[in-house]
Amino acid sequence: MTEAPTRPSARQVQLLDAAYEYVLEHGLTDLSLRPLAAAIGSSPRVLMFLFGNKDGLVRALLARARVEELALIEQLDRDRPTASSGLAEATELVWSWLRASGHRRLLRLWVEAYARSVVEPDGAWAGFASTTVDDWLGVLARCQPEAERDSAEGAARRTLALAVLRGCLLDLVASGDEARVDAAMADHLSRAGT
């Protein structure tokens, strides 16, 4: 018989939220438990008790980041009028969210986790990149008319849309050149809409 998953305690949720805010500001690459614990009003021993080890904490933080990603996906699904609005409109809607300056900390964390998942496919990062790709391809698929969605051409079109979104996101996070990256996205959307 499989044991039911236990609910996290209020303290665990509180510390995870505080740790998430910390990594949004400082990143995950050089994460050290001692400075993290001091910054969030805890101790390394408590963090180890609650999350098992540093990898367990990183997995919990990545899951927390995914909660925000899934909340965005749900919001986009609500904001999108119908599947007939099409892939170009959905891509534009996703880009408008991604490019908002208030989301830069989350996006830097996403870029870091995505890259680490590709470079270090085992351990705490395992599956983050591929799961993210699947999540976003699903969003884009739901924006395509059914006949297009179920075709090889439709899969290729949404894969291209995701690649352009990801490339523009990386460029924007790296350079901060909103005007140039927005122009590139607008050019893509004008071609994709035809």
Protein backbone atom coordinates (compact mmCIF):
# COMPACT_ATOMS: atom_id res chain seq x y z
CA MET A 1 0.00 0.00 0.00
CA THR A 2 1.31 3.46 -0.92
CA GLU A 3 1.43 6.08 1.79
CA ALA A 4 -0.52 9.26 1.15
CA PRO A 5 1.72 12.30 0.74
CA THR A 6 1.97 14.38 3.88
CA ARG A 7 0.91 17.99 3.87
CA PRO A 8 3.71 20.45 4.50
CA SER A 9 3.55 22.19 7.84
CA ALA A 10 2.76 25.88 8.07
CA ARG A 11 6.40 26.50 9.01
CA GLN A 12 7.64 24.54 5.99
CA VAL A 13 5.38 26.57 3.67
CA GLN A 14 6.50 29.82 5.32
CA LEU A 15 10.19 28.94 4.96
CA LEU A 16 9.74 27.74 1.38
CA ASP A 17 8.06 31.02 0.44
CA ALA A 18 10.85 33.00 2.12
CA ALA A 19 13.51 30.84 0.45
CA TYR A 20 11.77 31.34 -2.89
CA GLU A 21 11.93 35.11 -2.47
CA TYR A 22 15.60 34.74 -1.59
CA VAL A 23 16.44 32.72 -4.72
CA LEU A 24 14.45 35.11 -6.90
CA GLU A 25 16.88 37.77 -5.71
CA HIS A 26 20.11 35.74 -5.46
CA GLY A 27 19.65 32.78 -7.80
CA LEU A 28 20.23 29.08 -7.25
CA THR A 29 23.72 28.60 -8.65
CA ASP A 30 25.70 29.52 -5.56
CA LEU A 31 22.96 28.69 -3.08
CA SER A 32 24.41 27.98 0.35
CA LEU A 33 22.21 26.91 3.22
CA ARG A 34 23.91 29.00 5.90
CA PRO A 35 23.36 32.45 4.28
CA LEU A 36 19.92 31.40 3.06
CA ALA A 37 18.87 30.26 6.52
CA ALA A 38 20.17 33.47 8.11
CA ALA A 39 18.33 35.60 5.55
CA ILE A 40 14.99 33.85 6.11
CA GLY A 41 15.15 33.55 9.90
CA SER A 42 15.92 29.87 10.16
CA SER A 43 18.92 27.58 10.51
CA PRO A 44 20.56 25.11 8.13
CA ARG A 45 19.57 22.30 10.50
CA VAL A 46 15.86 23.24 10.31
CA LEU A 47 16.04 23.48 6.50
CA MET A 48 17.69 20.04 6.35
CA PHE A 49 15.02 18.62 8.65
CA LEU A 50 12.17 20.06 6.59
CA PHE A 51 13.55 19.42 3.08
CA GLY A 52 15.89 16.46 3.61
CA ASN A 53 19.00 18.04 2.08
CA LYS A 54 20.01 20.88 -0.22
CA ASP A 55 18.80 18.98 -3.31
CA GLY A 56 15.44 18.47 -1.63
CA LEU A 57 15.21 22.20 -0.98
CA VAL A 58 16.18 22.98 -4.60
CA ARG A 59 13.52 20.55 -5.85
CA ALA A 60 10.96 22.27 -3.59
CA LEU A 61 12.03 25.69 -4.89
CA LEU A 62 11.74 24.52 -8.52
CA ALA A 63 8.29 23.10 -7.75
CA ARG A 64 7.39 26.48 -6.23
CA ALA A 65 8.56 28.23 -9.42
CA ARG A 66 6.45 25.82 -11.44
CA VAL A 67 3.40 26.80 -9.38
CA GLU A 68 3.86 30.36 -10.68
CA GLU A 69 4.34 29.07 -14.22
CA LEU A 70 1.15 27.00 -14.02
CA ALA A 71 -0.74 29.97 -12.57
CA LEU A 72 0.37 31.99 -15.61
CA ILE A 73 -0.75 29.20 -17.91
CA GLU A 74 -4.18 29.14 -16.27
CA GLN A 75 -4.44 32.93 -16.57
CA LEU A 76 -3.49 32.78 -20.24
CA ASP A 77 -6.10 30.10 -20.82
CA ARG A 78 -8.73 32.38 -19.23
CA ASP A 79 -7.57 35.46 -21.17
CA ARG A 80 -7.54 33.68 -24.53
CA PRO A 81 -10.95 34.07 -26.15
CA THR A 82 -11.10 30.85 -28.19
CA ALA A 83 -8.92 28.34 -29.99
CA SER A 84 -9.86 30.09 -33.21
CA SER A 85 -7.94 33.17 -32.05
CA GLY A 86 -4.88 31.26 -33.14
CA LEU A 87 -1.27 30.68 -32.38
CA ALA A 88 -0.03 34.16 -33.26
CA GLU A 89 -2.43 35.81 -30.81
CA ALA A 90 -1.49 33.32 -28.08
CA THR A 91 2.22 33.93 -28.73
CA GLU A 92 1.65 37.67 -28.47
CA LEU A 93 -0.25 37.22 -25.20
CA VAL A 94 2.52 35.03 -23.73
CA TRP A 95 5.16 37.54 -24.85
CA SER A 96 3.31 40.45 -23.25
CA TRP A 97 3.47 38.59 -19.93
CA LEU A 98 7.09 37.49 -20.33
CA ARG A 99 8.36 40.95 -21.25
CA ALA A 100 6.74 42.70 -18.26
CA SER A 101 9.52 44.09 -16.07
CA GLY A 102 7.85 42.79 -12.90
CA HIS A 103 8.52 39.23 -14.01
CA ARG A 104 12.29 39.54 -14.60
CA ARG A 105 13.32 37.93 -11.29
CA LEU A 106 11.16 34.90 -11.98
CA LEU A 107 12.43 34.69 -15.55
CA ARG A 108 16.07 34.85 -14.48
CA LEU A 109 15.37 31.99 -12.07
CA TRP A 110 13.60 30.09 -14.84
CA VAL A 111 16.56 30.58 -17.22
CA GLU A 112 18.99 29.40 -14.54
CA ALA A 113 16.93 26.32 -13.69
CA TYR A 114 16.28 25.51 -17.35
CA ALA A 115 19.99 25.67 -18.20
CA ARG A 116 21.01 23.63 -15.16
CA SER A 117 18.40 21.00 -16.03
CA VAL A 118 19.89 20.66 -19.51
CA VAL A 119 23.52 20.63 -18.32
CA GLU A 120 22.90 18.52 -15.20
CA PRO A 121 19.96 16.26 -16.14
CA ASP A 122 20.15 14.26 -12.90
CA GLY A 123 19.63 15.38 -9.34
CA ALA A 124 17.59 18.33 -8.15
CA TRP A 125 17.20 19.83 -11.63
CA ALA A 126 16.00 16.60 -13.29
CA GLY A 127 13.19 17.11 -15.76
CA PHE A 128 12.70 20.84 -15.20
CA ALA A 129 13.49 21.86 -18.80
CA SER A 130 11.50 19.11 -20.50
CA THR A 131 8.49 19.62 -18.22
CA THR A 132 8.55 23.34 -18.96
CA VAL A 133 8.67 22.68 -22.70
CA ASP A 134 5.70 20.30 -22.41
CA ASP A 135 3.73 22.82 -20.33
CA TRP A 136 4.19 25.62 -22.86
CA LEU A 137 3.62 23.43 -25.92
CA GLY A 138 0.33 22.42 -24.29
CA VAL A 139 -0.69 26.06 -23.87
CA LEU A 140 0.14 26.83 -27.48
CA ALA A 141 -1.61 23.68 -28.73
CA ARG A 142 -4.84 24.72 -27.01
CA CYS A 143 -4.71 27.96 -29.00
CA GLN A 144 -4.70 26.20 -32.35
CA PRO A 145 -7.81 25.08 -34.18
CA GLU A 146 -8.26 21.32 -33.74
CA ALA A 147 -7.34 20.38 -37.32
CA GLU A 148 -4.08 22.32 -37.06
CA ARG A 149 -3.35 21.18 -33.52
CA ASP A 150 -3.45 17.52 -34.48
CA SER A 151 -1.21 17.86 -37.53
CA ALA A 152 2.57 17.62 -37.90
CA GLU A 153 2.52 21.16 -39.31
CA GLY A 154 0.65 22.40 -36.23
CA ALA A 155 3.22 20.77 -33.92
CA ALA A 156 6.01 22.40 -35.92
CA ARG A 157 4.33 25.82 -35.78
CA ARG A 158 3.87 25.75 -32.01
CA THR A 159 7.43 24.46 -31.58
CA LEU A 160 8.67 27.43 -33.61
CA ALA A 161 6.51 29.82 -31.57
CA LEU A 162 7.95 28.41 -28.34
CA ALA A 163 11.50 28.62 -29.69
CA VAL A 164 11.00 32.28 -30.66
CA LEU A 165 9.48 33.07 -27.25
CA ARG A 166 12.34 31.35 -25.46
CA GLY A 167 14.99 33.00 -27.65
CA CYS A 168 13.51 36.46 -27.19
CA LEU A 169 13.19 35.84 -23.47
CA LEU A 170 16.85 34.83 -23.20
CA ASP A 171 17.92 37.86 -25.22
CA LEU A 172 15.76 40.22 -23.16
CA VAL A 173 17.02 38.85 -19.83
CA ALA A 174 20.63 39.02 -21.07
CA SER A 175 20.56 42.43 -22.72
CA GLY A 176 17.60 44.33 -21.29
CA ASP A 177 17.12 45.81 -24.79
CA GLU A 178 13.33 45.83 -24.81
CA ALA A 179 12.92 47.87 -28.01
CA ARG A 180 15.10 45.57 -30.13
CA VAL A 181 13.64 42.34 -28.74
CA ASP A 182 10.06 43.63 -29.01
CA ALA A 183 10.75 44.56 -32.65
CA ALA A 184 12.03 41.05 -33.32
CA MET A 185 8.94 39.54 -31.73
CA ALA A 186 6.64 41.87 -33.69
CA ASP A 187 8.39 40.85 -36.90
CA HIS A 188 7.91 37.18 -36.08
CA LEU A 189 4.25 37.67 -35.19
CA SER A 190 3.56 39.56 -38.43
CA ARG A 191 4.98 36.61 -40.40
CA ALA A 192 3.30 33.98 -38.22
CA GLY A 193 -0.11 35.59 -38.61
CA THR A 194 -0.16 35.09 -42.35
